[in-house]
Structure formats: C-alpha cells, structure tokens
C-alpha cells in the first residue's frame, strides 16, 4: 500500500490492472467518466464536479484517494460510501485472483471502484488519479474529458525532477480526440501539454485563461478559487450536458454536504481557531500560509508531521518563524520519524517541541493556546486523519 509504505509499494506498470479489468469484464468501459490529475487540488476539483453533477439530478460515482478515516471514503455514489457488503463480497469472490496475480492495494481498489460504479449503473463517475497519470492504475478509462489541475514538485523520485518531466507523466492521461482542461498555465509545462494534445488531436483549454463568472464554494481555502474555475470550465465541456447556473452555484456551495469531503481548510473550532488542511508539499502550503496569516491571532501554533519524501526543512521555513511548532510522526511506516525531525529542526531558528504521537502534539497545542490564538494542523494527510 503506497500510502503506508511509499516507494516499495509503487508499481509503475499498467499490465496487472489491465489484466484485472479484463478478468472483471471491463467494468470501466460500462460507465461514463471524468479523469482528474494534477499535483494539488485534484481531490477538491473532483469533489466539486461531483457535487454540481449531483445537483443536476445525476447518479454520480466518485473515486478518490487516499482516505482519511474509512476505506469506503474512496468510493462513493452521491456522497454515500460504498456498501460494506459489496466490499466484503468483492474481496471474497476475487481473493484468489488478488493473491495469484500479486495485485497492489491500489489496483484492487481501482477494480473494485469500476465494478461498483458499473453494477450500480451510475450516470457518470469522477475518477481521481492516484499519482502521476501515464502509469496510474486509473488510466484505463476513456473519459468524457480530462483535467490536469497544475504541476508541482511532488513525488519527484517517481515522476521526474523537473516540472516538465512531471508534466509529461501527468499528460499521460490525455486521450485521442478527448478534451483536456489544464487548470494553471505554467511556463515550464504549457508546451508539454500543448504538444501532447497536438499529437493526439485533443482540444486543450487552459482554465485560468478563460473569462468566466467567479463562483464561491463552501470549500473556503483561497487556493480553491483556481479549483472552482477548473471544475466549472471542465463541466462546460461535458457533451450532452447543460450546466444550469442555479444548480452550479448550489453544487459548489454544498460540496461538503453532498460529497463528505474532509481536510480542506476544515475549521474544527472557532475559539481558539483550529483549522486542518491536507496540503502536504511546497506548492500546496504556499497557498495555505497566506490564508493563515490573513487571520488576526496572538500566537500561531503549528501541529505538523510529514512523510519521508518531502522537503521538510523547506516546508518548515515557509511558516512564520515566530510560530510555536509541535512536531510528531503520523502512525504509518512511511512517516518521517521523530529522530529525523529532530535532526532537521535542530539547525532551524524556531521554537519547537517533538512529541511521541500526533495526538500528544495536538493536545499540547490546545493546552497552551489562548482563545485568541490560531492552531493549524497539517504537513501530511495522515496527520490530519489522526486528528479528525
């Protein structure tokens, strides 16, 4: 399982998922889909589109990863997690195949999602890429359109060590004659996407270059403005579908209620202000920190933990240096251990303390915080998951 183990679980090869879907009678070909890739914002964008489509009266499948609390968060129809019985029956029925073909956790889950959406006869399914694009287990679908939200320096050991190289991997979801919407125009990646689209005769649209109404959403991070625009421009390119302005606005304003999304600028308490966000790389956190600083507070308390493949010293330097840092390691094998945190932070001019668990770090921050302070929880999806 990549989320837990990291590099040793990464399987950059589509042959196993192709064989598995063949064995399952190609369930991905029985459903209409939208494919969403990108470094940051792909989960939020996918949830926004699912919410809007629900408001138009459609039966909408939604496949995302990772989950925060419950495996069934990954596979939903109209906001309802996959039936427990369906998961159990699927595993029991296909267990011999899983074991004899050495499927990864992600491959099993993708096959499960495609089968569930096909059996439940959804009108459309929004499918979020796990990592990259070209070799991602979801990349068997022929979607109505593709979205690539943006490109940042994340998972560089797998996807490449430049924005252009990473863009080439993400561009692997572009299909012949199928529109692709790119959320953010970036100097380093624009030519990569244009060339791939030209080769495949795919219409390419850069959402941030399109003039459109500025919509609001109940997902309140300032970084969501770009995701809102990307989602709206995408849905405008869904063939045979008419986007109704009122339903669009209602869908965007009810994403949490309709889809159950968590961990996106999630306000957990108001006095003191406690916010959790799953942003976990430099690009994502560069949007988060101005949002924190836009609030007035006496003292900022940061409950942070990380996984091993992040530029942790650079991430910590992004935060205001007069913050109080409460550092720990989430309870997964891929976590950056507390002794590594100590080694990294001892050379930084910050006030910090290292705790044995994320819970202990959070409780210490709560004890120390005054009513007019701000507590931020983040650094890793798995830190947020433990606090939620």
Protein backbone atom coordinates (compact mmCIF):
# COMPACT_ATOMS: atom_id res chain seq x y z
CA UNK A 1 0.00 0.00 0.00
CA UNK A 2 1.80 3.13 -1.24
CA UNK A 3 0.15 5.48 1.27
CA UNK A 4 1.68 3.50 4.11
CA UNK A 5 4.94 2.16 2.72
CA UNK A 6 5.96 4.54 -0.03
CA UNK A 7 8.47 3.61 -2.73
CA UNK A 8 8.45 -0.15 -2.13
CA UNK A 9 4.72 -0.25 -2.92
CA UNK A 10 4.92 1.81 -6.12
CA UNK A 11 4.08 -0.33 -9.18
CA UNK A 12 4.64 1.70 -12.40
CA UNK A 13 3.07 -0.77 -14.81
CA UNK A 14 -0.48 -1.00 -16.20
CA UNK A 15 -0.34 -4.66 -17.19
CA UNK A 16 -1.76 -6.01 -13.90
CA UNK A 17 -4.70 -3.58 -13.77
CA UNK A 18 -5.37 -4.21 -17.49
CA UNK A 19 -5.48 -7.96 -16.86
CA UNK A 20 -7.62 -7.49 -13.75
CA UNK A 21 -10.18 -5.33 -15.57
CA UNK A 22 -10.21 -7.86 -18.42
CA UNK A 23 -10.96 -10.57 -15.83
CA UNK A 24 -13.75 -8.33 -14.42
CA UNK A 25 -15.23 -7.92 -17.96
CA UNK A 26 -14.03 -4.32 -18.47
CA UNK A 27 -16.33 -2.53 -15.99
CA UNK A 28 -14.58 0.80 -16.75
CA UNK A 29 -15.96 0.66 -20.29
CA UNK A 30 -19.55 0.40 -19.00
CA UNK A 31 -19.56 3.85 -17.39
CA UNK A 32 -19.09 7.48 -18.45
CA UNK A 33 -16.15 9.04 -16.65
CA UNK A 34 -14.21 12.24 -16.00
CA UNK A 35 -10.49 11.86 -15.27
CA UNK A 36 -8.72 14.26 -12.87
CA UNK A 37 -4.94 14.51 -12.42
CA UNK A 38 -2.58 17.15 -11.05
CA UNK A 39 -0.17 17.80 -8.19
CA UNK A 40 -2.51 19.85 -5.98
CA UNK A 41 -6.25 20.41 -5.97
CA UNK A 42 -7.32 17.31 -7.87
CA UNK A 43 -9.32 15.94 -4.93
CA UNK A 44 -11.13 19.23 -4.31
CA UNK A 45 -11.81 19.69 -8.04
CA UNK A 46 -13.18 16.14 -8.32
CA UNK A 47 -15.48 16.64 -5.32
CA UNK A 48 -16.73 19.99 -6.67
CA UNK A 49 -17.66 18.47 -10.02
CA UNK A 50 -19.36 15.51 -8.34
CA UNK A 51 -21.40 17.89 -6.16
CA UNK A 52 -22.50 20.02 -9.12
CA UNK A 53 -23.46 16.94 -11.15
CA UNK A 54 -25.50 15.64 -8.20
CA UNK A 55 -27.39 18.94 -8.10
CA UNK A 56 -28.30 18.32 -11.74
CA UNK A 57 -30.07 15.12 -10.67
CA UNK A 58 -27.41 12.66 -11.82
CA UNK A 59 -26.25 9.48 -10.10
CA UNK A 60 -22.57 10.32 -9.63
CA UNK A 61 -19.72 7.96 -8.75
CA UNK A 62 -16.64 9.45 -7.12
CA UNK A 63 -13.30 7.67 -6.76
CA UNK A 64 -10.57 9.46 -4.75
CA UNK A 65 -7.53 8.65 -2.63
CA UNK A 66 -6.21 8.43 -0.01
CA UNK A 67 -8.93 8.08 2.60
CA UNK A 68 -8.73 9.86 5.95
CA UNK A 69 -10.75 7.70 8.36
CA UNK A 70 -12.58 4.94 6.48
CA UNK A 71 -11.52 2.98 3.39
CA UNK A 72 -15.03 3.43 1.96
CA UNK A 73 -14.43 7.20 1.56
CA UNK A 74 -12.54 6.31 -1.63
CA UNK A 75 -15.60 5.02 -3.48
CA UNK A 76 -18.88 6.92 -3.23
CA UNK A 77 -22.12 7.39 -5.13
CA UNK A 78 -23.89 10.69 -4.47
CA UNK A 79 -21.85 11.12 -1.32
CA UNK A 80 -22.69 7.70 0.12
CA UNK A 81 -19.71 5.41 0.75
CA UNK A 82 -19.61 2.04 -0.98
CA UNK A 83 -21.70 -0.65 0.75
CA UNK A 84 -19.67 -2.67 3.25
CA UNK A 85 -21.26 -5.86 1.93
CA UNK A 86 -20.12 -5.05 -1.62
CA UNK A 87 -16.52 -4.65 -0.46
CA UNK A 88 -16.59 -7.90 1.51
CA UNK A 89 -18.25 -9.87 -1.29
CA UNK A 90 -15.83 -8.47 -3.89
CA UNK A 91 -12.77 -9.44 -1.84
CA UNK A 92 -14.12 -12.91 -1.06
CA UNK A 93 -15.06 -13.54 -4.69
CA UNK A 94 -11.74 -12.36 -6.16
CA UNK A 95 -9.28 -13.11 -3.36
CA UNK A 96 -7.64 -16.00 -5.21
CA UNK A 97 -7.07 -13.72 -8.21
CA UNK A 98 -5.59 -10.96 -5.99
CA UNK A 99 -3.12 -13.37 -4.44
CA UNK A 100 -2.11 -15.29 -7.56
CA UNK A 101 -1.55 -12.07 -9.55
CA UNK A 102 0.13 -10.08 -6.73
CA UNK A 103 -2.16 -7.08 -7.14
CA UNK A 104 -1.31 -3.92 -5.20
CA UNK A 105 -3.79 -2.37 -2.79
CA UNK A 106 -4.41 0.44 -5.30
CA UNK A 107 -5.03 -1.96 -8.20
CA UNK A 108 -7.55 -3.96 -6.17
CA UNK A 109 -9.31 -0.74 -5.13
CA UNK A 110 -9.49 0.64 -8.68
CA UNK A 111 -11.02 -2.62 -9.90
CA UNK A 112 -13.48 -2.53 -7.01
CA UNK A 113 -14.48 1.07 -7.84
CA UNK A 114 -15.01 0.37 -11.55
CA UNK A 115 -17.07 -2.74 -10.71
CA UNK A 116 -19.20 -0.91 -8.15
CA UNK A 117 -19.97 2.03 -10.42
CA UNK A 118 -20.79 -0.33 -13.28
CA UNK A 119 -23.04 -2.57 -11.15
CA UNK A 120 -24.84 0.47 -9.70
CA UNK A 121 -25.25 1.91 -13.20
CA UNK A 122 -24.06 5.43 -12.35
CA UNK A 123 -24.74 8.19 -14.87
CA UNK A 124 -21.12 9.36 -14.64
CA UNK A 125 -18.09 8.74 -12.40
CA UNK A 126 -15.41 11.27 -11.47
CA UNK A 127 -12.11 9.39 -11.22
CA UNK A 128 -9.13 10.94 -9.43
CA UNK A 129 -5.65 9.79 -10.45
CA UNK A 130 -3.65 8.28 -7.60
CA UNK A 131 -0.20 9.50 -8.61
CA UNK A 132 1.23 10.74 -11.88
CA UNK A 133 -1.05 9.76 -14.73
CA UNK A 134 0.57 7.79 -17.54
CA UNK A 135 1.15 4.68 -15.42
CA UNK A 136 -1.56 5.24 -12.82
CA UNK A 137 -3.97 2.36 -12.25
CA UNK A 138 -6.94 4.57 -13.18
CA UNK A 139 -5.56 5.26 -16.66
CA UNK A 140 -7.66 2.66 -18.46
CA UNK A 141 -10.71 4.87 -18.88
CA UNK A 142 -11.83 6.73 -21.98
CA UNK A 143 -13.27 9.78 -20.23
CA UNK A 144 -15.64 12.47 -21.46
CA UNK A 145 -12.84 14.94 -20.68
CA UNK A 146 -9.61 15.06 -18.67
CA UNK A 147 -8.45 17.63 -16.13
CA UNK A 148 -4.87 18.36 -15.07
CA UNK A 149 -5.10 20.91 -12.26
CA UNK A 150 -1.45 22.04 -12.01
CA UNK A 151 2.09 20.72 -11.76
CA UNK A 152 4.32 20.94 -8.69
CA UNK A 153 7.47 19.30 -7.39
CA UNK A 154 6.00 16.28 -5.64
CA UNK A 155 6.79 12.53 -5.86
CA UNK A 156 9.92 13.51 -7.78
CA UNK A 157 11.59 10.13 -7.20
CA UNK A 158 8.87 8.55 -9.35
CA UNK A 159 7.72 11.27 -11.73
CA UNK A 160 10.88 13.25 -12.52
CA UNK A 161 12.89 16.07 -11.00
CA UNK A 162 11.65 18.96 -13.15
CA UNK A 163 8.18 20.41 -13.73
CA UNK A 164 8.41 19.48 -17.42
CA UNK A 165 9.21 15.82 -16.62
CA UNK A 166 6.37 15.61 -14.11
CA UNK A 167 4.04 17.25 -16.65
CA UNK A 168 4.91 14.52 -19.19
CA UNK A 169 3.78 11.87 -16.69
CA UNK A 170 0.54 13.73 -15.90
CA UNK A 171 -0.05 14.32 -19.64
CA UNK A 172 -0.25 10.54 -19.97
CA UNK A 173 -3.97 10.76 -19.19
CA UNK A 174 -4.63 12.80 -22.36
CA UNK A 175 -6.52 10.65 -24.88
CA UNK A 176 -7.06 10.97 -28.65
CA UNK A 177 -9.83 13.45 -29.53
CA UNK A 178 -10.87 13.91 -25.88
CA UNK A 179 -10.75 17.47 -24.43
CA UNK A 180 -8.20 18.22 -21.72
CA UNK A 181 -8.61 21.13 -19.32
CA UNK A 182 -5.40 22.38 -17.67
CA UNK A 183 -6.12 24.39 -14.52
CA UNK A 184 -2.99 26.51 -14.33
CA UNK A 185 -0.84 27.90 -17.15
CA UNK A 186 2.81 27.40 -16.16
CA UNK A 187 5.78 28.43 -18.27
CA UNK A 188 7.60 25.14 -17.62
CA UNK A 189 4.67 22.86 -18.52
CA UNK A 190 2.49 24.65 -21.07
CA UNK A 191 4.48 23.45 -24.10
CA UNK A 192 4.45 19.84 -22.81
CA UNK A 193 0.66 19.78 -22.62
CA UNK A 194 0.17 21.57 -25.93
CA UNK A 195 2.46 19.15 -27.76
CA UNK A 196 0.80 16.07 -26.28
CA UNK A 197 -2.66 17.44 -27.14
CA UNK A 198 -1.50 18.25 -30.68
CA UNK A 199 -0.17 14.71 -31.19
CA UNK A 200 -3.47 13.20 -30.03
CA UNK A 201 -5.72 15.78 -31.72
CA UNK A 202 -7.21 16.60 -28.31
CA UNK A 203 -8.73 20.02 -27.70
CA UNK A 204 -6.77 21.76 -24.92
CA UNK A 205 -8.17 24.53 -22.72
CA UNK A 206 -6.24 26.44 -20.04
CA UNK A 207 -8.91 27.24 -17.45
CA UNK A 208 -7.10 30.21 -15.95
CA UNK A 209 -7.08 31.90 -19.35
CA UNK A 210 -10.86 31.65 -19.74
CA UNK A 211 -13.10 34.55 -18.83
CA UNK A 212 -15.88 33.35 -16.58
CA UNK A 213 -18.05 34.27 -13.61
CA UNK A 214 -16.23 33.96 -10.26
CA UNK A 215 -18.16 31.44 -8.20
CA UNK A 216 -17.95 30.77 -4.46
CA UNK A 217 -17.76 27.40 -2.73
CA UNK A 218 -18.19 26.07 0.80
CA UNK A 219 -14.58 24.83 0.45
CA UNK A 220 -13.10 28.03 1.81
CA UNK A 221 -9.35 27.95 1.18
CA UNK A 222 -8.19 30.81 -1.04
CA UNK A 223 -6.45 28.16 -3.15
CA UNK A 224 -9.92 26.82 -4.04
CA UNK A 225 -10.56 29.73 -6.45
CA UNK A 226 -8.39 28.05 -9.05
CA UNK A 227 -10.04 24.68 -8.41
CA UNK A 228 -13.54 26.20 -8.74
CA UNK A 229 -12.66 27.71 -12.12
CA UNK A 230 -11.09 24.45 -13.33
CA UNK A 231 -14.16 22.44 -12.27
CA UNK A 232 -16.58 24.87 -13.95
CA UNK A 233 -14.61 25.05 -17.22
CA UNK A 234 -14.41 21.26 -17.20
CA UNK A 235 -18.15 20.77 -16.79
CA UNK A 236 -18.76 23.26 -19.60
CA UNK A 237 -17.03 20.69 -21.85
CA UNK A 238 -19.21 17.74 -20.86
CA UNK A 239 -21.01 16.68 -24.03
CA UNK A 240 -24.79 16.37 -23.91
CA UNK A 241 -24.91 18.14 -20.55
CA UNK A 242 -26.36 21.59 -19.91
CA UNK A 243 -24.90 23.43 -16.93
CA UNK A 244 -27.73 25.22 -15.12
CA UNK A 245 -26.50 28.39 -13.30
CA UNK A 246 -28.56 27.86 -10.10
CA UNK A 247 -27.63 24.19 -9.85
CA UNK A 248 -23.99 25.06 -10.50
CA UNK A 249 -23.98 27.62 -7.67
CA UNK A 250 -25.80 25.28 -5.27
CA UNK A 251 -23.49 22.40 -6.13
CA UNK A 252 -20.39 24.49 -5.43
CA UNK A 253 -21.83 25.78 -2.15
CA UNK A 254 -22.72 22.30 -0.85
CA UNK A 255 -19.63 20.24 -1.63
CA UNK A 256 -19.14 19.08 1.97
CA UNK A 257 -22.77 18.06 2.45
CA UNK A 258 -23.03 16.36 -0.95
CA UNK A 259 -19.70 14.50 -1.01
CA UNK A 260 -18.45 14.30 2.58
CA UNK A 261 -15.05 15.80 1.68
CA UNK A 262 -12.83 16.47 4.69
CA UNK A 263 -9.50 18.11 5.43
CA UNK A 264 -9.70 21.10 3.08
CA UNK A 265 -9.32 24.22 5.24
CA UNK A 266 -11.56 22.41 7.70
CA UNK A 267 -12.46 24.68 10.62
CA UNK A 268 -12.67 22.37 13.64
CA UNK A 269 -13.09 25.08 16.29
CA UNK A 270 -13.56 28.85 16.41
CA UNK A 271 -12.27 29.81 19.90
CA UNK A 272 -9.41 29.24 19.63
CA UNK A 273 -9.44 28.91 15.84
CA UNK A 274 -8.40 25.36 14.87
CA UNK A 275 -8.00 24.53 11.18
CA UNK A 276 -6.85 21.31 9.50
CA UNK A 277 -5.69 21.05 5.89
CA UNK A 278 -4.18 18.14 3.97
CA UNK A 279 -1.82 20.31 1.84
CA UNK A 280 1.49 18.45 2.09
CA UNK A 281 4.01 19.84 -0.39
CA UNK A 282 5.71 23.18 -1.01
CA UNK A 283 3.29 24.33 -3.70
CA UNK A 284 0.20 23.42 -1.69
CA UNK A 285 1.46 25.03 1.50
CA UNK A 286 2.46 28.22 -0.31
CA UNK A 287 -1.28 28.80 -0.76
CA UNK A 288 -2.14 27.83 2.82
CA UNK A 289 0.26 30.08 4.71
CA UNK A 290 -1.09 33.43 3.37
CA UNK A 291 -4.56 32.17 4.31
CA UNK A 292 -3.39 31.54 7.89
CA UNK A 293 -1.73 34.97 8.01
CA UNK A 294 -4.91 36.67 6.78
CA UNK A 295 -6.42 35.89 10.20
CA UNK A 296 -5.63 38.01 13.21
CA UNK A 297 -4.25 35.99 16.11
CA UNK A 298 -2.00 36.45 19.13
CA UNK A 299 0.11 33.32 18.57
CA UNK A 300 0.24 30.67 15.84
CA UNK A 301 0.57 27.04 16.96
CA UNK A 302 1.52 24.50 14.26
CA UNK A 303 0.80 20.80 14.75
CA UNK A 304 2.84 19.20 11.97
CA UNK A 305 4.12 15.84 10.81
CA UNK A 306 5.46 14.64 7.48
CA UNK A 307 6.19 11.64 5.28
CA UNK A 308 9.71 10.77 4.21
CA UNK A 309 9.75 12.05 0.64
CA UNK A 310 9.01 15.75 1.37
CA UNK A 311 11.40 18.72 1.56
CA UNK A 312 10.66 19.13 5.26
CA UNK A 313 13.24 21.80 6.08
CA UNK A 314 11.95 23.95 3.17
CA UNK A 315 8.34 23.39 4.25
CA UNK A 316 9.05 24.41 7.85
CA UNK A 317 10.81 27.57 6.65
CA UNK A 318 7.61 28.60 4.82
CA UNK A 319 5.78 29.11 8.13
CA UNK A 320 6.15 32.29 10.20
CA UNK A 321 9.34 31.80 12.25
CA UNK A 322 7.74 33.12 15.45
CA UNK A 323 5.23 30.23 15.44
CA UNK A 324 5.21 27.52 18.09
CA UNK A 325 5.92 24.18 16.36
CA UNK A 326 4.51 20.91 17.76
CA UNK A 327 6.12 18.15 15.71
CA UNK A 328 5.40 14.44 15.56
CA UNK A 329 5.17 11.48 13.19
CA UNK A 330 1.88 10.04 11.91
CA UNK A 331 1.43 6.35 12.67
CA UNK A 332 2.37 4.91 9.28
CA UNK A 333 5.64 3.24 8.16
CA UNK A 334 6.19 5.99 5.57
CA UNK A 335 6.23 8.73 8.23
CA UNK A 336 9.32 10.85 8.78
CA UNK A 337 10.49 9.55 12.15
CA UNK A 338 10.80 11.85 15.16
CA UNK A 339 14.59 11.41 15.29
CA UNK A 340 14.79 12.65 11.68
CA UNK A 341 12.54 15.58 12.59
CA UNK A 342 14.91 16.42 15.46
CA UNK A 343 17.93 16.27 13.14
CA UNK A 344 16.25 18.59 10.61
CA UNK A 345 14.85 21.11 13.07
CA UNK A 346 17.86 21.49 15.37
CA UNK A 347 19.53 23.73 12.78
CA UNK A 348 16.45 25.90 12.29
CA UNK A 349 15.88 29.01 14.37
CA UNK A 350 12.39 28.10 15.56
CA UNK A 351 10.60 27.28 18.81
CA UNK A 352 9.67 23.63 18.63
CA UNK A 353 8.99 20.53 20.65
CA UNK A 354 8.80 16.94 19.41
CA UNK A 355 6.05 14.64 20.66
CA UNK A 356 5.71 10.84 20.58
CA UNK A 357 2.31 10.97 18.86
CA UNK A 358 0.28 13.40 16.75
CA UNK A 359 -2.45 13.30 19.40
CA UNK A 360 0.02 14.33 22.11
CA UNK A 361 1.25 17.21 19.92
CA UNK A 362 -2.32 18.41 19.32
CA UNK A 363 -3.31 18.20 22.99
CA UNK A 364 -0.19 20.17 23.98
CA UNK A 365 -1.08 22.89 21.46
CA UNK A 366 -4.65 23.04 22.79
CA UNK A 367 -3.43 23.31 26.38
CA UNK A 368 -1.07 26.17 25.55
CA UNK A 369 -3.33 28.13 23.17
CA UNK A 370 -5.26 31.19 24.35
CA UNK A 371 -8.74 31.94 23.00
CA UNK A 372 -7.30 34.44 20.51
CA UNK A 373 -4.63 32.05 19.18
CA UNK A 374 -4.65 30.00 15.96
CA UNK A 375 -3.88 26.26 15.79
CA UNK A 376 -3.10 24.81 12.37
CA UNK A 377 -2.90 21.04 11.80
CA UNK A 378 -1.15 19.75 8.68
CA UNK A 379 2.04 18.78 6.89
CA UNK A 380 0.59 15.42 5.90
CA UNK A 381 -2.78 13.91 5.02
CA UNK A 382 -2.09 11.34 7.74
CA UNK A 383 -1.59 13.94 10.48
CA UNK A 384 -4.99 15.43 9.63
CA UNK A 385 -6.52 11.92 9.54
CA UNK A 386 -5.31 11.16 13.07
CA UNK A 387 -6.74 14.40 14.48
CA UNK A 388 -10.08 14.05 12.69
